[in-house]
Amino acid sequence: MRYLVLGRKSYAQPLEEQGMLEAPDAESARRQARSGLGEGWVELVLVPLDQVRWVLQAGAARLGGMEVESRVD
Protein backbone atom coordinates (compact mmCIF):
# COMPACT_ATOMS: atom_id res chain seq x y z
CA MET A 1 0.00 0.00 0.00
CA ARG A 2 1.23 3.52 -0.78
CA TYR A 3 1.15 6.24 1.85
CA LEU A 4 1.43 10.01 1.57
CA VAL A 5 3.67 11.30 4.38
CA LEU A 6 2.97 14.72 5.91
CA GLY A 7 4.92 16.27 8.74
CA ARG A 8 6.05 19.33 10.67
CA LYS A 9 8.81 20.08 13.13
CA SER A 10 6.91 22.72 15.12
CA TYR A 11 3.21 23.26 15.72
CA ALA A 12 3.50 26.79 14.27
CA GLN A 13 4.31 25.26 10.85
CA PRO A 14 1.69 23.81 8.52
CA LEU A 15 1.79 20.12 7.70
CA GLU A 16 3.84 19.69 4.52
CA GLU A 17 4.32 16.77 2.18
CA GLN A 18 7.47 14.85 3.11
CA GLY A 19 7.15 12.19 0.43
CA MET A 20 5.59 8.82 -0.24
CA LEU A 21 6.37 5.37 1.00
CA GLU A 22 5.20 1.89 0.22
CA ALA A 23 4.60 -0.68 2.96
CA PRO A 24 2.54 -3.85 3.40
CA ASP A 25 0.63 -2.48 6.40
CA ALA A 26 0.19 0.62 8.60
CA GLU A 27 2.61 -0.53 11.31
CA SER A 28 5.38 -1.13 8.76
CA ALA A 29 4.65 2.29 7.26
CA ARG A 30 5.01 3.90 10.72
CA ARG A 31 8.39 2.26 11.25
CA GLN A 32 9.60 3.27 7.79
CA ALA A 33 8.51 6.89 8.26
CA ARG A 34 10.24 7.18 11.66
CA SER A 35 13.47 5.55 10.52
CA GLY A 36 13.58 7.26 7.13
CA LEU A 37 12.76 10.81 8.24
CA GLY A 38 14.82 10.92 11.41
CA GLU A 39 14.23 12.87 14.62
CA GLY A 40 12.84 16.29 15.45
CA TRP A 41 9.26 15.89 14.24
CA VAL A 42 6.35 17.00 16.43
CA GLU A 43 3.89 15.45 13.99
CA LEU A 44 4.07 12.89 11.18
CA VAL A 45 0.91 11.78 9.40
CA LEU A 46 0.48 8.81 7.07
CA VAL A 47 -2.45 8.90 4.65
CA PRO A 48 -3.19 5.83 2.53
CA LEU A 49 -3.06 7.13 -1.04
CA ASP A 50 -6.32 5.40 -1.93
CA GLN A 51 -8.04 7.37 0.87
CA VAL A 52 -7.06 10.84 -0.41
CA ARG A 53 -10.10 12.71 -1.69
CA TRP A 54 -9.47 15.91 -3.62
CA VAL A 55 -11.89 18.73 -2.89
CA LEU A 56 -10.48 20.99 -5.57
CA GLN A 57 -7.73 20.13 -8.03
CA ALA A 58 -7.10 21.55 -11.48
CA GLY A 59 -5.74 19.10 -14.06
CA ALA A 60 -3.12 16.58 -13.01
CA ALA A 61 -0.79 17.05 -10.05
CA ARG A 62 2.50 15.62 -8.92
CA LEU A 63 2.11 13.87 -5.59
CA GLY A 64 5.15 12.31 -3.98
CA GLY A 65 6.91 12.16 -7.34
CA MET A 66 3.96 10.35 -8.91
CA GLU A 67 1.54 11.93 -11.36
CA VAL A 68 -2.03 11.76 -10.10
CA GLU A 69 -4.99 12.26 -12.42
CA SER A 70 -7.70 14.63 -11.32
CA ARG A 71 -11.13 12.99 -11.24
CA VAL A 72 -14.43 13.16 -9.45
CA ASP A 73 -15.90 9.94 -8.04
PDB file of N, CA and C in Angstrom:
ATOM      1  N   MET A   1       0.845  -1.165   0.000  1.00  0.00           N
ATOM      2  CA  MET A   1       0.000   0.000   0.000  1.00  0.00           C
ATOM      3  C   MET A   1       0.896   1.236   0.000  1.00  0.00           C
ATOM      4  N   ARG A   2       0.485   2.265  -0.736  1.00  0.00           N
ATOM      5  CA  ARG A   2       1.232   3.521  -0.777  1.00  0.00           C
ATOM      6  C   ARG A   2       0.644   4.514   0.213  1.00  0.00           C
ATOM      7  N   TYR A   3       1.544   5.256   0.861  1.00  0.00           N
ATOM      8  CA  TYR A   3       1.146   6.244   1.853  1.00  0.00           C
ATOM      9  C   TYR A   3       1.753   7.600   1.511  1.00  0.00           C
ATOM     10  N   LEU A   4       0.967   8.636   1.646  1.00  0.00           N
ATOM     11  CA  LEU A   4       1.434  10.010   1.571  1.00  0.00           C
ATOM     12  C   LEU A   4       1.911  10.363   2.975  1.00  0.00           C
ATOM     13  N   VAL A   5       3.104  10.949   3.083  1.00  0.00           N
ATOM     14  CA  VAL A   5       3.671  11.304   4.384  1.00  0.00           C
ATOM     15  C   VAL A   5       3.655  12.824   4.524  1.00  0.00           C
ATOM     16  N   LEU A   6       3.014  13.293   5.588  1.00  0.00           N
ATOM     17  CA  LEU A   6       2.967  14.717   5.907  1.00  0.00           C
ATOM     18  C   LEU A   6       3.631  14.911   7.259  1.00  0.00           C
ATOM     19  N   GLY A   7       4.288  16.054   7.451  1.00  0.00           N
ATOM     20  CA  GLY A   7       4.915  16.271   8.742  1.00  0.00           C
ATOM     21  C   GLY A   7       5.244  17.726   8.988  1.00  0.00           C
ATOM     22  N   ARG A   8       5.572  18.000  10.264  1.00  0.00           N
ATOM     23  CA  ARG A   8       6.045  19.328  10.666  1.00  0.00           C
ATOM     24  C   ARG A   8       6.931  19.170  11.896  1.00  0.00           C
ATOM     25  N   LYS A   9       7.856  20.119  12.023  1.00  0.00           N
ATOM     26  CA  LYS A   9       8.809  20.081  13.128  1.00  0.00           C
ATOM     27  C   LYS A   9       8.438  21.037  14.251  1.00  0.00           C
ATOM     28  N   SER A  10       7.454  21.899  14.029  1.00  0.00           N
ATOM     29  CA  SER A  10       6.909  22.723  15.115  1.00  0.00           C
ATOM     30  C   SER A  10       5.426  22.925  14.833  1.00  0.00           C
ATOM     31  N   TYR A  11       4.656  23.115  15.897  1.00  0.00           N
ATOM     32  CA  TYR A  11       3.215  23.261  15.718  1.00  0.00           C
ATOM     33  C   TYR A  11       2.852  24.554  15.000  1.00  0.00           C
ATOM     34  N   ALA A  12       3.757  25.527  14.978  1.00  0.00           N
ATOM     35  CA  ALA A  12       3.498  26.786  14.267  1.00  0.00           C
ATOM     36  C   ALA A  12       3.563  26.599  12.752  1.00  0.00           C
ATOM     37  N   GLN A  13       4.204  25.543  12.287  1.00  0.00           N
ATOM     38  CA  GLN A  13       4.313  25.257  10.848  1.00  0.00           C
ATOM     39  C   GLN A  13       3.088  24.492  10.360  1.00  0.00           C
ATOM     40  N   PRO A  14       2.743  24.669   9.083  1.00  0.00           N
ATOM     41  CA  PRO A  14       1.687  23.814   8.519  1.00  0.00           C
ATOM     42  C   PRO A  14       2.251  22.419   8.241  1.00  0.00           C
ATOM     43  N   LEU A  15       1.369  21.445   8.158  1.00  0.00           N
ATOM     44  CA  LEU A  15       1.794  20.120   7.702  1.00  0.00           C
ATOM     45  C   LEU A  15       2.222  20.254   6.248  1.00  0.00           C
ATOM     46  N   GLU A  16       3.345  19.651   5.894  1.00  0.00           N
ATOM     47  CA  GLU A  16       3.842  19.689   4.520  1.00  0.00           C
ATOM     48  C   GLU A  16       4.147  18.278   4.050  1.00  0.00           C
ATOM     49  N   GLU A  17       4.012  18.073   2.752  1.00  0.00           N
ATOM     50  CA  GLU A  17       4.319  16.770   2.178  1.00  0.00           C
ATOM     51  C   GLU A  17       5.795  16.468   2.366  1.00  0.00           C
ATOM     52  N   GLN A  18       6.100  15.288   2.903  1.00  0.00           N
ATOM     53  CA  GLN A  18       7.469  14.848   3.112  1.00  0.00           C
ATOM     54  C   GLN A  18       7.846  13.727   2.142  1.00  0.00           C
ATOM     55  N   GLY A  19       6.873  13.232   1.397  1.00  0.00           N
ATOM     56  CA  GLY A  19       7.148  12.187   0.426  1.00  0.00           C
ATOM     57  C   GLY A  19       6.102  11.091   0.466  1.00  0.00           C
ATOM     58  N   MET A  20       6.466   9.985  -0.165  1.00  0.00           N
ATOM     59  CA  MET A  20       5.590   8.823  -0.239  1.00  0.00           C
ATOM     60  C   MET A  20       6.403   7.627   0.220  1.00  0.00           C
ATOM     61  N   LEU A  21       5.706   6.636   0.713  1.00  0.00           N
ATOM     62  CA  LEU A  21       6.371   5.370   1.005  1.00  0.00           C
ATOM     63  C   LEU A  21       5.414   4.240   0.692  1.00  0.00           C
ATOM     64  N   GLU A  22       5.997   3.089   0.501  1.00  0.00           N
ATOM     65  CA  GLU A  22       5.201   1.893   0.222  1.00  0.00           C
ATOM     66  C   GLU A  22       5.503   0.867   1.305  1.00  0.00           C
ATOM     67  N   ALA A  23       4.448   0.303   1.880  1.00  0.00           N
ATOM     68  CA  ALA A  23       4.596  -0.675   2.959  1.00  0.00           C
ATOM     69  C   ALA A  23       3.422  -1.646   2.912  1.00  0.00           C
ATOM     70  N   PRO A  24       3.616  -2.856   3.429  1.00  0.00           N
ATOM     71  CA  PRO A  24       2.536  -3.853   3.395  1.00  0.00           C
ATOM     72  C   PRO A  24       1.388  -3.559   4.359  1.00  0.00           C
ATOM     73  N   ASP A  25       1.676  -2.781   5.426  1.00  0.00           N
ATOM     74  CA  ASP A  25       0.626  -2.477   6.404  1.00  0.00           C
ATOM     75  C   ASP A  25       0.974  -1.179   7.125  1.00  0.00           C
ATOM     76  N   ALA A  26       0.025  -0.671   7.920  1.00  0.00           N
ATOM     77  CA  ALA A  26       0.188   0.615   8.597  1.00  0.00           C
ATOM     78  C   ALA A  26       1.351   0.604   9.590  1.00  0.00           C
ATOM     79  N   GLU A  27       1.520  -0.475  10.328  1.00  0.00           N
ATOM     80  CA  GLU A  27       2.611  -0.525  11.313  1.00  0.00           C
ATOM     81  C   GLU A  27       3.970  -0.477  10.627  1.00  0.00           C
ATOM     82  N   SER A  28       4.117  -1.183   9.526  1.00  0.00           N
ATOM     83  CA  SER A  28       5.375  -1.130   8.765  1.00  0.00           C
ATOM     84  C   SER A  28       5.602   0.279   8.213  1.00  0.00           C
ATOM     85  N   ALA A  29       4.546   0.924   7.762  1.00  0.00           N
ATOM     86  CA  ALA A  29       4.653   2.290   7.261  1.00  0.00           C
ATOM     87  C   ALA A  29       5.106   3.235   8.367  1.00  0.00           C
ATOM     88  N   ARG A  30       4.582   3.075   9.579  1.00  0.00           N
ATOM     89  CA  ARG A  30       5.010   3.902  10.717  1.00  0.00           C
ATOM     90  C   ARG A  30       6.509   3.745  10.980  1.00  0.00           C
ATOM     91  N   ARG A  31       6.961   2.505  10.997  1.00  0.00           N
ATOM     92  CA  ARG A  31       8.385   2.257  11.246  1.00  0.00           C
ATOM     93  C   ARG A  31       9.249   2.870  10.153  1.00  0.00           C
ATOM     94  N   GLN A  32       8.828   2.707   8.895  1.00  0.00           N
ATOM     95  CA  GLN A  32       9.598   3.268   7.788  1.00  0.00           C
ATOM     96  C   GLN A  32       9.667   4.790   7.866  1.00  0.00           C
ATOM     97  N   ALA A  33       8.549   5.427   8.180  1.00  0.00           N
ATOM     98  CA  ALA A  33       8.514   6.890   8.262  1.00  0.00           C
ATOM     99  C   ALA A  33       9.449   7.376   9.370  1.00  0.00           C
ATOM    100  N   ARG A  34       9.392   6.751  10.534  1.00  0.00           N
ATOM    101  CA  ARG A  34      10.241   7.181  11.656  1.00  0.00           C
ATOM    102  C   ARG A  34      11.717   6.971  11.351  1.00  0.00           C
ATOM    103  N   SER A  35      12.059   5.815  10.792  1.00  0.00           N
ATOM    104  CA  SER A  35      13.472   5.550  10.522  1.00  0.00           C
ATOM    105  C   SER A  35      13.979   6.353   9.327  1.00  0.00           C
ATOM    106  N   GLY A  36      13.146   6.563   8.330  1.00  0.00           N
ATOM    107  CA  GLY A  36      13.580   7.262   7.126  1.00  0.00           C
ATOM    108  C   GLY A  36      13.641   8.771   7.248  1.00  0.00           C
ATOM    109  N   LEU A  37      12.808   9.349   8.119  1.00  0.00           N
ATOM    110  CA  LEU A  37      12.756  10.810   8.235  1.00  0.00           C
ATOM    111  C   LEU A  37      13.531  11.344   9.432  1.00  0.00           C
ATOM    112  N   GLY A  38      13.983  10.482  10.299  1.00  0.00           N
ATOM    113  CA  GLY A  38      14.816  10.925  11.408  1.00  0.00           C
ATOM    114  C   GLY A  38      14.039  11.541  12.550  1.00  0.00           C
ATOM    115  N   GLU A  39      14.753  12.299  13.380  1.00  0.00           N
ATOM    116  CA  GLU A  39      14.226  12.868  14.615  1.00  0.00           C
ATOM    117  C   GLU A  39      13.772  14.316  14.408  1.00  0.00           C
ATOM    118  N   GLY A  40      13.168  14.866  15.444  1.00  0.00           N
ATOM    119  CA  GLY A  40      12.837  16.288  15.450  1.00  0.00           C
ATOM    120  C   GLY A  40      11.427  16.630  15.010  1.00  0.00           C
ATOM    121  N   TRP A  41      10.624  15.643  14.693  1.00  0.00           N
ATOM    122  CA  TRP A  41       9.258  15.893  14.241  1.00  0.00           C
ATOM    123  C   TRP A  41       8.309  15.989  15.435  1.00  0.00           C
ATOM    124  N   VAL A  42       7.406  16.968  15.417  1.00  0.00           N
ATOM    125  CA  VAL A  42       6.352  16.999  16.427  1.00  0.00           C
ATOM    126  C   VAL A  42       5.117  16.279  15.916  1.00  0.00           C
ATOM    127  N   GLU A  43       5.046  16.130  14.580  1.00  0.00           N
ATOM    128  CA  GLU A  43       3.889  15.450  13.992  1.00  0.00           C
ATOM    129  C   GLU A  43       4.270  14.855  12.641  1.00  0.00           C
ATOM    130  N   LEU A  44       3.968  13.584  12.471  1.00  0.00           N
ATOM    131  CA  LEU A  44       4.071  12.891  11.180  1.00  0.00           C
ATOM    132  C   LEU A  44       2.731  12.212  10.947  1.00  0.00           C
ATOM    133  N   VAL A  45       2.218  12.332   9.738  1.00  0.00           N
ATOM    134  CA  VAL A  45       0.913  11.778   9.403  1.00  0.00           C
ATOM    135  C   VAL A  45       1.066  10.903   8.169  1.00  0.00           C
ATOM    136  N   LEU A  46       0.513   9.712   8.217  1.00  0.00           N
ATOM    137  CA  LEU A  46       0.478   8.813   7.066  1.00  0.00           C
ATOM    138  C   LEU A  46      -0.952   8.743   6.561  1.00  0.00           C
ATOM    139  N   VAL A  47      -1.124   8.964   5.262  1.00  0.00           N
ATOM    140  CA  VAL A  47      -2.447   8.901   4.650  1.00  0.00           C
ATOM    141  C   VAL A  47      -2.385   7.864   3.534  1.00  0.00           C
ATOM    142  N   PRO A  48      -3.166   6.785   3.643  1.00  0.00           N
ATOM    143  CA  PRO A  48      -3.187   5.828   2.527  1.00  0.00           C
ATOM    144  C   PRO A  48      -3.598   6.556   1.248  1.00  0.00           C
ATOM    145  N   LEU A  49      -2.812   6.395   0.202  1.00  0.00           N
ATOM    146  CA  LEU A  49      -3.059   7.133  -1.035  1.00  0.00           C
ATOM    147  C   LEU A  49      -4.459   6.881  -1.589  1.00  0.00           C
ATOM    148  N   ASP A  50      -4.987   5.676  -1.413  1.00  0.00           N
ATOM    149  CA  ASP A  50      -6.323   5.398  -1.930  1.00  0.00           C
ATOM    150  C   ASP A  50      -7.429   6.053  -1.098  1.00  0.00           C
ATOM    151  N   GLN A  51      -7.056   6.684   0.031  1.00  0.00           N
ATOM    152  CA  GLN A  51      -8.038   7.374   0.867  1.00  0.00           C
ATOM    153  C   GLN A  51      -8.034   8.892   0.669  1.00  0.00           C
ATOM    154  N   VAL A  52      -7.110   9.404  -0.141  1.00  0.00           N
ATOM    155  CA  VAL A  52      -7.058  10.845  -0.407  1.00  0.00           C
ATOM    156  C   VAL A  52      -8.230  11.214  -1.302  1.00  0.00           C
ATOM    157  N   ARG A  53      -8.971  12.209  -0.901  1.00  0.00           N
ATOM    158  CA  ARG A  53     -10.098  12.711  -1.690  1.00  0.00           C
ATOM    159  C   ARG A  53      -9.872  14.188  -1.973  1.00  0.00           C
ATOM    160  N   TRP A  54      -9.701  14.518  -3.233  1.00  0.00           N
ATOM    161  CA  TRP A  54      -9.470  15.905  -3.617  1.00  0.00           C
ATOM    162  C   TRP A  54     -10.778  16.676  -3.535  1.00  0.00           C
ATOM    163  N   VAL A  55     -10.742  17.839  -2.933  1.00  0.00           N
ATOM    164  CA  VAL A  55     -11.895  18.728  -2.886  1.00  0.00           C
ATOM    165  C   VAL A  55     -11.851  19.638  -4.104  1.00  0.00           C
ATOM    166  N   LEU A  56     -10.679  20.128  -4.416  1.00  0.00           N
ATOM    167  CA  LEU A  56     -10.478  20.991  -5.574  1.00  0.00           C
ATOM    168  C   LEU A  56      -9.096  20.707  -6.115  1.00  0.00           C
ATOM    169  N   GLN A  57      -9.013  20.401  -7.405  1.00  0.00           N
ATOM    170  CA  GLN A  57      -7.730  20.132  -8.034  1.00  0.00           C
ATOM    171  C   GLN A  57      -7.885  20.392  -9.521  1.00  0.00           C
ATOM    172  N   ALA A  58      -7.049  21.233 -10.056  1.00  0.00           N
ATOM    173  CA  ALA A  58      -7.101  21.550 -11.483  1.00  0.00           C
ATOM    174  C   ALA A  58      -6.118  20.660 -12.243  1.00  0.00           C
ATOM    175  N   GLY A  59      -6.593  19.933 -13.228  1.00  0.00           N
ATOM    176  CA  GLY A  59      -5.737  19.096 -14.058  1.00  0.00           C
ATOM    177  C   GLY A  59      -5.087  17.977 -13.280  1.00  0.00           C
ATOM    178  N   ALA A  60      -3.875  17.629 -13.694  1.00  0.00           N
ATOM    179  CA  ALA A  60      -3.117  16.578 -13.009  1.00  0.00           C
ATOM    180  C   ALA A  60      -2.112  17.219 -12.077  1.00  0.00           C
ATOM    181  N   ALA A  61      -1.743  16.533 -11.034  1.00  0.00           N
ATOM    182  CA  ALA A  61      -0.794  17.048 -10.054  1.00  0.00           C
ATOM    183  C   ALA A  61       0.318  16.032  -9.846  1.00  0.00           C
ATOM    184  N   ARG A  62       1.412  16.505  -9.306  1.00  0.00           N
ATOM    185  CA  ARG A  62       2.500  15.617  -8.916  1.00  0.00           C
ATOM    186  C   ARG A  62       2.391  15.413  -7.415  1.00  0.00           C
ATOM    187  N   LEU A  63       2.277  14.183  -6.999  1.00  0.00           N
ATOM    188  CA  LEU A  63       2.112  13.867  -5.592  1.00  0.00           C
ATOM    189  C   LEU A  63       3.161  12.835  -5.224  1.00  0.00           C
ATOM    190  N   GLY A  64       4.105  13.240  -4.403  1.00  0.00           N
ATOM    191  CA  GLY A  64       5.154  12.315  -3.984  1.00  0.00           C
ATOM    192  C   GLY A  64       5.936  11.761  -5.150  1.00  0.00           C
ATOM    193  N   GLY A  65       6.166  12.592  -6.172  1.00  0.00           N
ATOM    194  CA  GLY A  65       6.913  12.162  -7.340  1.00  0.00           C
ATOM    195  C   GLY A  65       6.107  11.312  -8.309  1.00  0.00           C
ATOM    196  N   MET A  66       4.814  11.170  -8.070  1.00  0.00           N
ATOM    197  CA  MET A  66       3.962  10.351  -8.913  1.00  0.00           C
ATOM    198  C   MET A  66       2.854  11.220  -9.480  1.00  0.00           C
ATOM    199  N   GLU A  67       2.615  11.140 -10.775  1.00  0.00           N
ATOM    200  CA  GLU A  67       1.540  11.934 -11.360  1.00  0.00           C
ATOM    201  C   GLU A  67       0.184  11.336 -10.989  1.00  0.00           C
ATOM    202  N   VAL A  68      -0.711  12.186 -10.531  1.00  0.00           N
ATOM    203  CA  VAL A  68      -2.033  11.761 -10.102  1.00  0.00           C
ATOM    204  C   VAL A  68      -3.071  12.453 -10.970  1.00  0.00           C
ATOM    205  N   GLU A  69      -3.932  11.700 -11.586  1.00  0.00           N
ATOM    206  CA  GLU A  69      -4.992  12.264 -12.422  1.00  0.00           C
ATOM    207  C   GLU A  69      -6.086  12.873 -11.574  1.00  0.00           C
ATOM    208  N   SER A  70      -6.583  13.994 -12.009  1.00  0.00           N
ATOM    209  CA  SER A  70      -7.703  14.625 -11.322  1.00  0.00           C
ATOM    210  C   SER A  70      -8.980  13.962 -11.800  1.00  0.00           C
ATOM    211  N   ARG A  71      -9.847  13.586 -10.861  1.00  0.00           N
ATOM    212  CA  ARG A  71     -11.133  12.989 -11.240  1.00  0.00           C
ATOM    213  C   ARG A  71     -12.128  13.180 -10.114  1.00  0.00           C
ATOM    214  N   VAL A  72     -13.371  13.060 -10.439  1.00  0.00           N
ATOM    215  CA  VAL A  72     -14.431  13.162  -9.447  1.00  0.00           C
ATOM    216  C   VAL A  72     -15.122  11.807  -9.395  1.00  0.00           C
ATOM    217  N   ASP A  73     -15.229  11.240  -8.191  1.00  0.00           N
ATOM    218  CA  ASP A  73     -15.904   9.939  -8.037  1.00  0.00           C
ATOM    219  C   ASP A  73     -17.365  10.131  -7.746  1.00  0.00           C
TER     220      ASP A  73
END
